[in-house]
Amino acid sequence: MHRDEIGRRFTPRRADLDRAGQHDEVRTACHRLAEQLADLLPDGREKDQAITRIEEAMFWADAAIERRG
């Protein structure tokens, strides 16, 4: 991996209002889905995994917002 790619991945960026709004929308959508699944699914490992994967999707979506452009 090149140093410029490492820098791109690990350099903090200032959040502008547009990006902050996008982060909020992603988190709201993921939160809503996680709550729906928590109500719909029976307790167990599979339910826990499903909610964990929503959390992972949220993190990747946040990274996509930050790394764009």
Protein backbone atom coordinates (compact mmCIF):
# COMPACT_ATOMS: atom_id res chain seq x y z
CA MET A 1 0.00 0.00 0.00
CA HIS A 2 1.35 3.41 -0.95
CA ARG A 3 1.88 6.14 1.62
CA ASP A 4 -0.63 8.42 -0.11
CA GLU A 5 -3.32 5.74 0.30
CA ILE A 6 -2.43 5.33 3.98
CA GLY A 7 -2.64 9.09 4.39
CA ARG A 8 -6.02 9.20 2.68
CA ARG A 9 -7.38 6.48 4.94
CA PHE A 10 -6.07 7.79 8.24
CA THR A 11 -5.99 11.58 7.93
CA PRO A 12 -8.82 13.23 9.83
CA ARG A 13 -11.06 15.49 7.80
CA ARG A 14 -13.15 18.43 8.83
CA ALA A 15 -16.83 17.67 8.70
CA ASP A 16 -18.74 20.22 6.68
CA LEU A 17 -22.46 20.69 7.16
CA ASP A 18 -23.31 18.67 4.05
CA ARG A 19 -21.29 15.69 5.26
CA ALA A 20 -22.57 16.00 8.81
CA GLY A 21 -26.11 15.83 7.45
CA GLN A 22 -25.26 12.75 5.40
CA HIS A 23 -23.75 11.05 8.46
CA ASP A 24 -26.93 11.82 10.41
CA GLU A 25 -29.12 10.36 7.65
CA VAL A 26 -27.06 7.16 7.52
CA ARG A 27 -27.13 6.75 11.29
CA THR A 28 -30.86 7.40 11.45
CA ALA A 29 -31.59 4.84 8.71
CA CYS A 30 -29.34 2.22 10.32
CA HIS A 31 -30.81 2.87 13.76
CA ARG A 32 -34.34 2.49 12.41
CA LEU A 33 -33.50 -0.80 10.68
CA ALA A 34 -31.70 -2.18 13.74
CA GLU A 35 -34.71 -1.39 15.93
CA GLN A 36 -37.08 -3.03 13.43
CA LEU A 37 -34.99 -6.19 13.33
CA ALA A 38 -34.69 -6.21 17.11
CA ASP A 39 -38.49 -6.29 17.27
CA LEU A 40 -39.00 -8.79 14.43
CA LEU A 41 -36.33 -11.40 14.98
CA PRO A 42 -36.14 -14.02 17.69
CA ASP A 43 -33.30 -13.60 20.18
CA GLY A 44 -30.15 -15.48 19.27
CA ARG A 45 -26.82 -15.34 17.55
CA GLU A 46 -28.34 -14.65 14.14
CA LYS A 47 -30.20 -11.60 15.41
CA ASP A 48 -27.04 -10.30 17.07
CA GLN A 49 -25.08 -10.86 13.85
CA ALA A 50 -27.71 -9.08 11.75
CA ILE A 51 -27.56 -6.02 14.00
CA THR A 52 -23.76 -6.11 14.03
CA ARG A 53 -23.75 -6.13 10.22
CA ILE A 54 -25.98 -3.06 10.17
CA GLU A 55 -23.44 -1.36 12.43
CA GLU A 56 -20.64 -2.38 10.05
CA ALA A 57 -22.62 -1.03 7.10
CA MET A 58 -23.01 2.26 8.97
CA PHE A 59 -19.25 2.49 9.52
CA TRP A 60 -18.52 1.76 5.85
CA ALA A 61 -21.12 4.32 4.77
CA ASP A 62 -19.51 6.92 7.05
CA ALA A 63 -16.12 6.10 5.51
CA ALA A 64 -17.56 6.48 2.01
CA ILE A 65 -18.89 9.92 2.91
CA GLU A 66 -15.53 11.00 4.35
CA ARG A 67 -13.37 9.57 1.57
CA ARG A 68 -15.36 10.85 -1.36
CA GLY A 69 -13.87 13.10 -3.89
